[in-house]
PDB file of N, CA and C in Angstrom:
ATOM      1  N   MET A   1    -290.999   0.515  59.423  1.00  0.00           N
ATOM      2  CA  MET A   1    -291.948   0.095  60.437  1.00  0.00           C
ATOM      3  C   MET A   1    -293.026   1.169  60.561  1.00  0.00           C
ATOM      4  N   ARG A   2    -294.249   0.731  60.746  1.00  0.00           N
ATOM      5  CA  ARG A   2    -295.374   1.657  60.930  1.00  0.00           C
ATOM      6  C   ARG A   2    -295.195   2.430  62.230  1.00  0.00           C
ATOM      7  N   ILE A   3    -295.680   3.664  62.267  1.00  0.00           N
ATOM      8  CA  ILE A   3    -295.509   4.488  63.458  1.00  0.00           C
ATOM      9  C   ILE A   3    -296.283   3.937  64.654  1.00  0.00           C
ATOM     10  N   ASP A   4    -297.466   3.375  64.435  1.00  0.00           N
ATOM     11  CA  ASP A   4    -298.212   2.826  65.565  1.00  0.00           C
ATOM     12  C   ASP A   4    -297.456   1.654  66.202  1.00  0.00           C
ATOM     13  N   LEU A   5    -296.835   0.840  65.394  1.00  0.00           N
ATOM     14  CA  LEU A   5    -296.055  -0.286  65.909  1.00  0.00           C
ATOM     15  C   LEU A   5    -294.775   0.204  66.588  1.00  0.00           C
ATOM     16  N   PHE A   6    -294.127   1.230  66.021  1.00  0.00           N
ATOM     17  CA  PHE A   6    -292.919   1.774  66.643  1.00  0.00           C
ATOM     18  C   PHE A   6    -293.215   2.331  68.032  1.00  0.00           C
ATOM     19  N   LEU A   7    -294.326   3.052  68.182  1.00  0.00           N
ATOM     20  CA  LEU A   7    -294.680   3.618  69.485  1.00  0.00           C
ATOM     21  C   LEU A   7    -294.893   2.519  70.518  1.00  0.00           C
ATOM     22  N   LYS A   8    -295.448   1.395  70.098  1.00  0.00           N
ATOM     23  CA  LYS A   8    -295.658   0.267  71.000  1.00  0.00           C
ATOM     24  C   LYS A   8    -294.339  -0.436  71.318  1.00  0.00           C
ATOM     25  N   VAL A   9    -293.548  -0.759  70.294  1.00  0.00           N
ATOM     26  CA  VAL A   9    -292.292  -1.486  70.475  1.00  0.00           C
ATOM     27  C   VAL A   9    -291.304  -0.680  71.314  1.00  0.00           C
ATOM     28  N   SER A  10    -291.288   0.635  71.149  1.00  0.00           N
ATOM     29  CA  SER A  10    -290.358   1.487  71.884  1.00  0.00           C
ATOM     30  C   SER A  10    -290.800   1.726  73.326  1.00  0.00           C
ATOM     31  N   GLY A  11    -292.019   1.313  73.655  1.00  0.00           N
ATOM     32  CA  GLY A  11    -292.511   1.480  75.021  1.00  0.00           C
ATOM     33  C   GLY A  11    -293.070   2.855  75.314  1.00  0.00           C
ATOM     34  N   LEU A  12    -293.178   3.706  74.304  1.00  0.00           N
ATOM     35  CA  LEU A  12    -293.728   5.043  74.520  1.00  0.00           C
ATOM     36  C   LEU A  12    -295.214   4.973  74.836  1.00  0.00           C
ATOM     37  N   LEU A  13    -295.922   4.069  74.180  1.00  0.00           N
ATOM     38  CA  LEU A  13    -297.326   3.806  74.476  1.00  0.00           C
ATOM     39  C   LEU A  13    -297.475   2.308  74.716  1.00  0.00           C
ATOM     40  N   LYS A  14    -298.386   1.945  75.600  1.00  0.00           N
ATOM     41  CA  LYS A  14    -298.450   0.563  76.079  1.00  0.00           C
ATOM     42  C   LYS A  14    -298.885  -0.455  75.031  1.00  0.00           C
ATOM     43  N   THR A  15    -299.869  -0.110  74.220  1.00  0.00           N
ATOM     44  CA  THR A  15    -300.364  -1.054  73.218  1.00  0.00           C
ATOM     45  C   THR A  15    -300.471  -0.379  71.858  1.00  0.00           C
ATOM     46  N   ARG A  16    -300.593  -1.207  70.834  1.00  0.00           N
ATOM     47  CA  ARG A  16    -300.737  -0.677  69.479  1.00  0.00           C
ATOM     48  C   ARG A  16    -302.089  -0.001  69.307  1.00  0.00           C
ATOM     49  N   SER A  17    -303.120  -0.497  69.991  1.00  0.00           N
ATOM     50  CA  SER A  17    -304.437   0.132  69.858  1.00  0.00           C
ATOM     51  C   SER A  17    -304.442   1.512  70.512  1.00  0.00           C
ATOM     52  N   ILE A  18    -303.741   1.674  71.624  1.00  0.00           N
ATOM     53  CA  ILE A  18    -303.615   3.000  72.247  1.00  0.00           C
ATOM     54  C   ILE A  18    -302.859   3.929  71.308  1.00  0.00           C
ATOM     55  N   ALA A  19    -301.812   3.413  70.675  1.00  0.00           N
ATOM     56  CA  ALA A  19    -301.051   4.213  69.717  1.00  0.00           C
ATOM     57  C   ALA A  19    -301.928   4.640  68.545  1.00  0.00           C
ATOM     58  N   SER A  20    -302.737   3.727  68.037  1.00  0.00           N
ATOM     59  CA  SER A  20    -303.633   4.051  66.920  1.00  0.00           C
ATOM     60  C   SER A  20    -304.660   5.114  67.310  1.00  0.00           C
ATOM     61  N   LYS A  21    -305.189   5.014  68.526  1.00  0.00           N
ATOM     62  CA  LYS A  21    -306.146   6.019  69.004  1.00  0.00           C
ATOM     63  C   LYS A  21    -305.476   7.382  69.156  1.00  0.00           C
ATOM     64  N   ALA A  22    -304.251   7.395  69.676  1.00  0.00           N
ATOM     65  CA  ALA A  22    -303.516   8.658  69.829  1.00  0.00           C
ATOM     66  C   ALA A  22    -303.254   9.288  68.462  1.00  0.00           C
ATOM     67  N   ILE A  23    -302.884   8.470  67.505  1.00  0.00           N
ATOM     68  CA  ILE A  23    -302.637   8.965  66.151  1.00  0.00           C
ATOM     69  C   ILE A  23    -303.925   9.502  65.539  1.00  0.00           C
ATOM     70  N   GLY A  24    -305.002   8.771  65.708  1.00  0.00           N
ATOM     71  CA  GLY A  24    -306.297   9.199  65.172  1.00  0.00           C
ATOM     72  C   GLY A  24    -306.811  10.486  65.774  1.00  0.00           C
ATOM     73  N   SER A  25    -306.458  10.736  67.037  1.00  0.00           N
ATOM     74  CA  SER A  25    -306.919  11.954  67.706  1.00  0.00           C
ATOM     75  C   SER A  25    -306.027  13.163  67.403  1.00  0.00           C
ATOM     76  N   GLY A  26    -304.940  12.947  66.671  1.00  0.00           N
ATOM     77  CA  GLY A  26    -304.061  14.061  66.312  1.00  0.00           C
ATOM     78  C   GLY A  26    -302.961  14.328  67.316  1.00  0.00           C
ATOM     79  N   ALA A  27    -302.728  13.411  68.248  1.00  0.00           N
ATOM     80  CA  ALA A  27    -301.718  13.607  69.289  1.00  0.00           C
ATOM     81  C   ALA A  27    -300.318  13.243  68.823  1.00  0.00           C
ATOM     82  N   VAL A  28    -300.175  12.791  67.579  1.00  0.00           N
ATOM     83  CA  VAL A  28    -298.869  12.358  67.073  1.00  0.00           C
ATOM     84  C   VAL A  28    -298.583  13.049  65.743  1.00  0.00           C
ATOM     85  N   LYS A  29    -297.380  13.620  65.644  1.00  0.00           N
ATOM     86  CA  LYS A  29    -296.911  14.196  64.382  1.00  0.00           C
ATOM     87  C   LYS A  29    -295.613  13.499  64.001  1.00  0.00           C
ATOM     88  N   LEU A  30    -295.443  13.265  62.731  1.00  0.00           N
ATOM     89  CA  LEU A  30    -294.230  12.655  62.206  1.00  0.00           C
ATOM     90  C   LEU A  30    -293.591  13.649  61.254  1.00  0.00           C
ATOM     91  N   ASN A  31    -292.395  14.097  61.583  1.00  0.00           N
ATOM     92  CA  ASN A  31    -291.669  15.095  60.788  1.00  0.00           C
ATOM     93  C   ASN A  31    -292.503  16.350  60.547  1.00  0.00           C
ATOM     94  N   GLY A  32    -293.225  16.791  61.597  1.00  0.00           N
ATOM     95  CA  GLY A  32    -293.986  18.025  61.545  1.00  0.00           C
ATOM     96  C   GLY A  32    -295.366  17.929  60.919  1.00  0.00           C
ATOM     97  N   VAL A  33    -295.764  16.741  60.462  1.00  0.00           N
ATOM     98  CA  VAL A  33    -297.050  16.541  59.813  1.00  0.00           C
ATOM     99  C   VAL A  33    -297.866  15.556  60.640  1.00  0.00           C
ATOM    100  N   ARG A  34    -299.168  15.838  60.775  1.00  0.00           N
ATOM    101  CA  ARG A  34    -300.036  14.916  61.507  1.00  0.00           C
ATOM    102  C   ARG A  34    -299.915  13.514  60.910  1.00  0.00           C
ATOM    103  N   ALA A  35    -299.636  12.551  61.770  1.00  0.00           N
ATOM    104  CA  ALA A  35    -299.342  11.192  61.312  1.00  0.00           C
ATOM    105  C   ALA A  35    -300.599  10.374  61.068  1.00  0.00           C
ATOM    106  N   LYS A  36    -300.464   9.394  60.196  1.00  0.00           N
ATOM    107  CA  LYS A  36    -301.464   8.345  60.022  1.00  0.00           C
ATOM    108  C   LYS A  36    -300.835   7.078  60.586  1.00  0.00           C
ATOM    109  N   ALA A  37    -301.656   6.137  61.048  1.00  0.00           N
ATOM    110  CA  ALA A  37    -301.141   4.926  61.687  1.00  0.00           C
ATOM    111  C   ALA A  37    -300.214   4.140  60.766  1.00  0.00           C
ATOM    112  N   SER A  38    -300.424   4.235  59.473  1.00  0.00           N
ATOM    113  CA  SER A  38    -299.618   3.465  58.524  1.00  0.00           C
ATOM    114  C   SER A  38    -298.354   4.197  58.082  1.00  0.00           C
ATOM    115  N   ALA A  39    -298.126   5.409  58.587  1.00  0.00           N
ATOM    116  CA  ALA A  39    -296.942   6.172  58.192  1.00  0.00           C
ATOM    117  C   ALA A  39    -295.684   5.416  58.576  1.00  0.00           C
ATOM    118  N   SER A  40    -294.688   5.474  57.722  1.00  0.00           N
ATOM    119  CA  SER A  40    -293.450   4.728  57.922  1.00  0.00           C
ATOM    120  C   SER A  40    -292.438   5.557  58.714  1.00  0.00           C
ATOM    121  N   VAL A  41    -291.838   4.907  59.722  1.00  0.00           N
ATOM    122  CA  VAL A  41    -290.811   5.545  60.551  1.00  0.00           C
ATOM    123  C   VAL A  41    -289.448   5.048  60.099  1.00  0.00           C
ATOM    124  N   GLU A  42    -288.499   5.972  59.959  1.00  0.00           N
ATOM    125  CA  GLU A  42    -287.138   5.626  59.571  1.00  0.00           C
ATOM    126  C   GLU A  42    -286.178   6.279  60.557  1.00  0.00           C
ATOM    127  N   ALA A  43    -284.960   5.804  60.600  1.00  0.00           N
ATOM    128  CA  ALA A  43    -283.941   6.426  61.448  1.00  0.00           C
ATOM    129  C   ALA A  43    -283.802   7.886  61.022  1.00  0.00           C
ATOM    130  N   GLY A  44    -283.805   8.788  61.988  1.00  0.00           N
ATOM    131  CA  GLY A  44    -283.726  10.215  61.702  1.00  0.00           C
ATOM    132  C   GLY A  44    -285.074  10.915  61.718  1.00  0.00           C
ATOM    133  N   SER A  45    -286.158  10.165  61.724  1.00  0.00           N
ATOM    134  CA  SER A  45    -287.494  10.764  61.782  1.00  0.00           C
ATOM    135  C   SER A  45    -287.698  11.458  63.124  1.00  0.00           C
ATOM    136  N   VAL A  46    -288.479  12.521  63.114  1.00  0.00           N
ATOM    137  CA  VAL A  46    -288.811  13.251  64.339  1.00  0.00           C
ATOM    138  C   VAL A  46    -290.286  13.022  64.642  1.00  0.00           C
ATOM    139  N   ILE A  47    -290.558  12.579  65.861  1.00  0.00           N
ATOM    140  CA  ILE A  47    -291.923  12.303  66.298  1.00  0.00           C
ATOM    141  C   ILE A  47    -292.283  13.276  67.410  1.00  0.00           C
ATOM    142  N   GLU A  48    -293.415  13.953  67.255  1.00  0.00           N
ATOM    143  CA  GLU A  48    -293.972  14.788  68.315  1.00  0.00           C
ATOM    144  C   GLU A  48    -295.172  14.042  68.862  1.00  0.00           C
ATOM    145  N   LEU A  49    -295.219  13.859  70.179  1.00  0.00           N
ATOM    146  CA  LEU A  49    -296.208  12.991  70.792  1.00  0.00           C
ATOM    147  C   LEU A  49    -296.714  13.595  72.090  1.00  0.00           C
ATOM    148  N   VAL A  50    -298.033  13.559  72.269  1.00  0.00           N
ATOM    149  CA  VAL A  50    -298.630  13.913  73.559  1.00  0.00           C
ATOM    150  C   VAL A  50    -299.061  12.595  74.188  1.00  0.00           C
ATOM    151  N   ILE A  51    -298.371  12.191  75.270  1.00  0.00           N
ATOM    152  CA  ILE A  51    -298.705  10.927  75.912  1.00  0.00           C
ATOM    153  C   ILE A  51    -299.913  11.132  76.827  1.00  0.00           C
ATOM    154  N   PRO A  52    -300.601  10.055  77.222  1.00  0.00           N
ATOM    155  CA  PRO A  52    -301.862  10.189  77.954  1.00  0.00           C
ATOM    156  C   PRO A  52    -301.825  11.052  79.218  1.00  0.00           C
ATOM    157  N   ASP A  53    -300.672  11.180  79.875  1.00  0.00           N
ATOM    158  CA  ASP A  53    -300.622  12.020  81.080  1.00  0.00           C
ATOM    159  C   ASP A  53    -300.492  13.506  80.757  1.00  0.00           C
ATOM    160  N   GLY A  54    -300.465  13.859  79.460  1.00  0.00           N
ATOM    161  CA  GLY A  54    -300.417  15.253  79.038  1.00  0.00           C
ATOM    162  C   GLY A  54    -299.027  15.760  78.718  1.00  0.00           C
ATOM    163  N   THR A  55    -298.011  14.945  78.931  1.00  0.00           N
ATOM    164  CA  THR A  55    -296.641  15.330  78.626  1.00  0.00           C
ATOM    165  C   THR A  55    -296.426  15.365  77.123  1.00  0.00           C
ATOM    166  N   GLU A  56    -295.791  16.434  76.653  1.00  0.00           N
ATOM    167  CA  GLU A  56    -295.479  16.555  75.230  1.00  0.00           C
ATOM    168  C   GLU A  56    -294.018  16.189  75.015  1.00  0.00           C
ATOM    169  N   LEU A  57    -293.781  15.239  74.133  1.00  0.00           N
ATOM    170  CA  LEU A  57    -292.434  14.775  73.838  1.00  0.00           C
ATOM    171  C   LEU A  57    -292.090  15.033  72.383  1.00  0.00           C
ATOM    172  N   THR A  58    -290.853  15.422  72.140  1.00  0.00           N
ATOM    173  CA  THR A  58    -290.318  15.483  70.791  1.00  0.00           C
ATOM    174  C   THR A  58    -289.142  14.516  70.774  1.00  0.00           C
ATOM    175  N   LEU A  59    -289.208  13.539  69.884  1.00  0.00           N
ATOM    176  CA  LEU A  59    -288.229  12.460  69.839  1.00  0.00           C
ATOM    177  C   LEU A  59    -287.585  12.364  68.476  1.00  0.00           C
ATOM    178  N   LYS A  60    -286.348  11.920  68.465  1.00  0.00           N
ATOM    179  CA  LYS A  60    -285.675  11.596  67.209  1.00  0.00           C
ATOM    180  C   LYS A  60    -285.438  10.095  67.203  1.00  0.00           C
ATOM    181  N   VAL A  61    -285.877   9.437  66.139  1.00  0.00           N
ATOM    182  CA  VAL A  61    -285.704   7.991  66.009  1.00  0.00           C
ATOM    183  C   VAL A  61    -284.248   7.711  65.659  1.00  0.00           C
ATOM    184  N   LEU A  62    -283.587   6.901  66.494  1.00  0.00           N
ATOM    185  CA  LEU A  62    -282.197   6.541  66.250  1.00  0.00           C
ATOM    186  C   LEU A  62    -282.081   5.229  65.490  1.00  0.00           C
ATOM    187  N   VAL A  63    -282.896   4.260  65.889  1.00  0.00           N
ATOM    188  CA  VAL A  63    -282.856   2.925  65.287  1.00  0.00           C
ATOM    189  C   VAL A  63    -284.278   2.405  65.133  1.00  0.00           C
ATOM    190  N   VAL A  64    -284.559   1.825  63.991  1.00  0.00           N
ATOM    191  CA  VAL A  64    -285.832   1.138  63.785  1.00  0.00           C
ATOM    192  C   VAL A  64    -285.542  -0.353  63.904  1.00  0.00           C
ATOM    193  N   PRO A  65    -286.132  -1.023  64.895  1.00  0.00           N
ATOM    194  CA  PRO A  65    -285.834  -2.449  65.086  1.00  0.00           C
ATOM    195  C   PRO A  65    -286.347  -3.295  63.923  1.00  0.00           C
ATOM    196  N   GLU A  66    -285.637  -4.397  63.666  1.00  0.00           N
ATOM    197  CA  GLU A  66    -286.029  -5.275  62.573  1.00  0.00           C
ATOM    198  C   GLU A  66    -287.203  -6.171  62.948  1.00  0.00           C
ATOM    199  N   ASN A  67    -287.388  -6.415  64.244  1.00  0.00           N
ATOM    200  CA  ASN A  67    -288.535  -7.210  64.682  1.00  0.00           C
ATOM    201  C   ASN A  67    -289.214  -6.514  65.855  1.00  0.00           C
ATOM    202  N   THR A  68    -290.307  -7.078  66.312  1.00  0.00           N
ATOM    203  CA  THR A  68    -291.091  -6.416  67.355  1.00  0.00           C
ATOM    204  C   THR A  68    -290.723  -6.870  68.764  1.00  0.00           C
ATOM    205  N   ASN A  69    -289.715  -7.705  68.887  1.00  0.00           N
ATOM    206  CA  ASN A  69    -289.279  -8.159  70.202  1.00  0.00           C
ATOM    207  C   ASN A  69    -288.055  -7.380  70.642  1.00  0.00           C
ATOM    208  N   VAL A  70    -288.286  -6.313  71.392  1.00  0.00           N
ATOM    209  CA  VAL A  70    -287.207  -5.478  71.909  1.00  0.00           C
ATOM    210  C   VAL A  70    -287.282  -5.535  73.423  1.00  0.00           C
ATOM    211  N   SER A  71    -286.167  -5.843  74.069  1.00  0.00           N
ATOM    212  CA  SER A  71    -286.177  -5.953  75.529  1.00  0.00           C
ATOM    213  C   SER A  71    -286.407  -4.583  76.163  1.00  0.00           C
ATOM    214  N   ARG A  72    -286.920  -4.589  77.357  1.00  0.00           N
ATOM    215  CA  ARG A  72    -287.214  -3.340  78.056  1.00  0.00           C
ATOM    216  C   ARG A  72    -285.971  -2.467  78.215  1.00  0.00           C
ATOM    217  N   LYS A  73    -284.829  -3.088  78.479  1.00  0.00           N
ATOM    218  CA  LYS A  73    -283.612  -2.292  78.689  1.00  0.00           C
ATOM    219  C   LYS A  73    -283.100  -1.660  77.392  1.00  0.00           C
ATOM    220  N   ASP A  74    -283.455  -2.242  76.244  1.00  0.00           N
ATOM    221  CA  ASP A  74    -282.994  -1.718  74.958  1.00  0.00           C
ATOM    222  C   ASP A  74    -283.954  -0.719  74.325  1.00  0.00           C
ATOM    223  N   ARG A  75    -285.152  -0.578  74.866  1.00  0.00           N
ATOM    224  CA  ARG A  75    -286.164   0.291  74.251  1.00  0.00           C
ATOM    225  C   ARG A  75    -285.722   1.743  74.157  1.00  0.00           C
ATOM    226  N   LYS A  76    -285.072   2.250  75.191  1.00  0.00           N
ATOM    227  CA  LYS A  76    -284.679   3.666  75.186  1.00  0.00           C
ATOM    228  C   LYS A  76    -283.561   3.956  74.199  1.00  0.00           C
ATOM    229  N   SER A  77    -282.892   2.926  73.702  1.00  0.00           N
ATOM    230  CA  SER A  77    -281.842   3.143  72.717  1.00  0.00           C
ATOM    231  C   SER A  77    -282.413   3.327  71.308  1.00  0.00           C
ATOM    232  N   LEU A  78    -283.720   3.150  71.145  1.00  0.00           N
ATOM    233  CA  LEU A  78    -284.356   3.319  69.844  1.00  0.00           C
ATOM    234  C   LEU A  78    -284.583   4.785  69.496  1.00  0.00           C
ATOM    235  N   TYR A  79    -284.605   5.656  70.500  1.00  0.00           N
ATOM    236  CA  TYR A  79    -284.907   7.070  70.270  1.00  0.00           C
ATOM    237  C   TYR A  79    -284.147   7.939  71.266  1.00  0.00           C
ATOM    238  N   SER A  80    -284.052   9.224  70.942  1.00  0.00           N
ATOM    239  CA  SER A  80    -283.522  10.198  71.892  1.00  0.00           C
ATOM    240  C   SER A  80    -284.572  11.292  72.068  1.00  0.00           C
ATOM    241  N   VAL A  81    -284.704  11.783  73.273  1.00  0.00           N
ATOM    242  CA  VAL A  81    -285.674  12.821  73.586  1.00  0.00           C
ATOM    243  C   VAL A  81    -285.042  14.174  73.278  1.00  0.00           C
ATOM    244  N   LEU A  82    -285.648  14.911  72.368  1.00  0.00           N
ATOM    245  CA  LEU A  82    -285.161  16.239  72.018  1.00  0.00           C
ATOM    246  C   LEU A  82    -285.763  17.305  72.924  1.00  0.00           C
ATOM    247  N   ASN A  83    -287.031  17.116  73.300  1.00  0.00           N
ATOM    248  CA  ASN A  83    -287.717  18.105  74.126  1.00  0.00           C
ATOM    249  C   ASN A  83    -288.808  17.408  74.911  1.00  0.00           C
ATOM    250  N   ARG A  84    -288.992  17.827  76.174  1.00  0.00           N
ATOM    251  CA  ARG A  84    -290.046  17.261  77.023  1.00  0.00           C
ATOM    252  C   ARG A  84    -290.698  18.427  77.771  1.00  0.00           C
ATOM    253  N   GLU A  85    -292.014  18.539  77.622  1.00  0.00           N
ATOM    254  CA  GLU A  85    -292.767  19.594  78.300  1.00  0.00           C
ATOM    255  C   GLU A  85    -293.932  18.990  79.055  1.00  0.00           C
ATOM    256  N   GLY A  86    -294.111  19.448  80.290  1.00  0.00           N
ATOM    257  CA  GLY A  86    -295.259  19.002  81.060  1.00  0.00           C
ATOM    258  C   GLY A  86    -294.873  18.031  82.044  1.00  0.00           C
TER     259      GLY A  86
END
């Protein structure tokens, strides 16, 4: 799954266009490297993200969903937070 879509499906960012803008501005790293919107996310990937309120998150992807319909209660099971600053 593309990283921009994963950020949207997981509920970390509200829309895919917001995710794409965050990626384009350099606010997202995938496995320590500045991400591109088309970068592929796999289970075990580490995402570093600065969300719009300025909070810096480091996440580990636990599960990549097979489709884009993930219920709100299941979204947090897609990743684990390794570090949160701000």
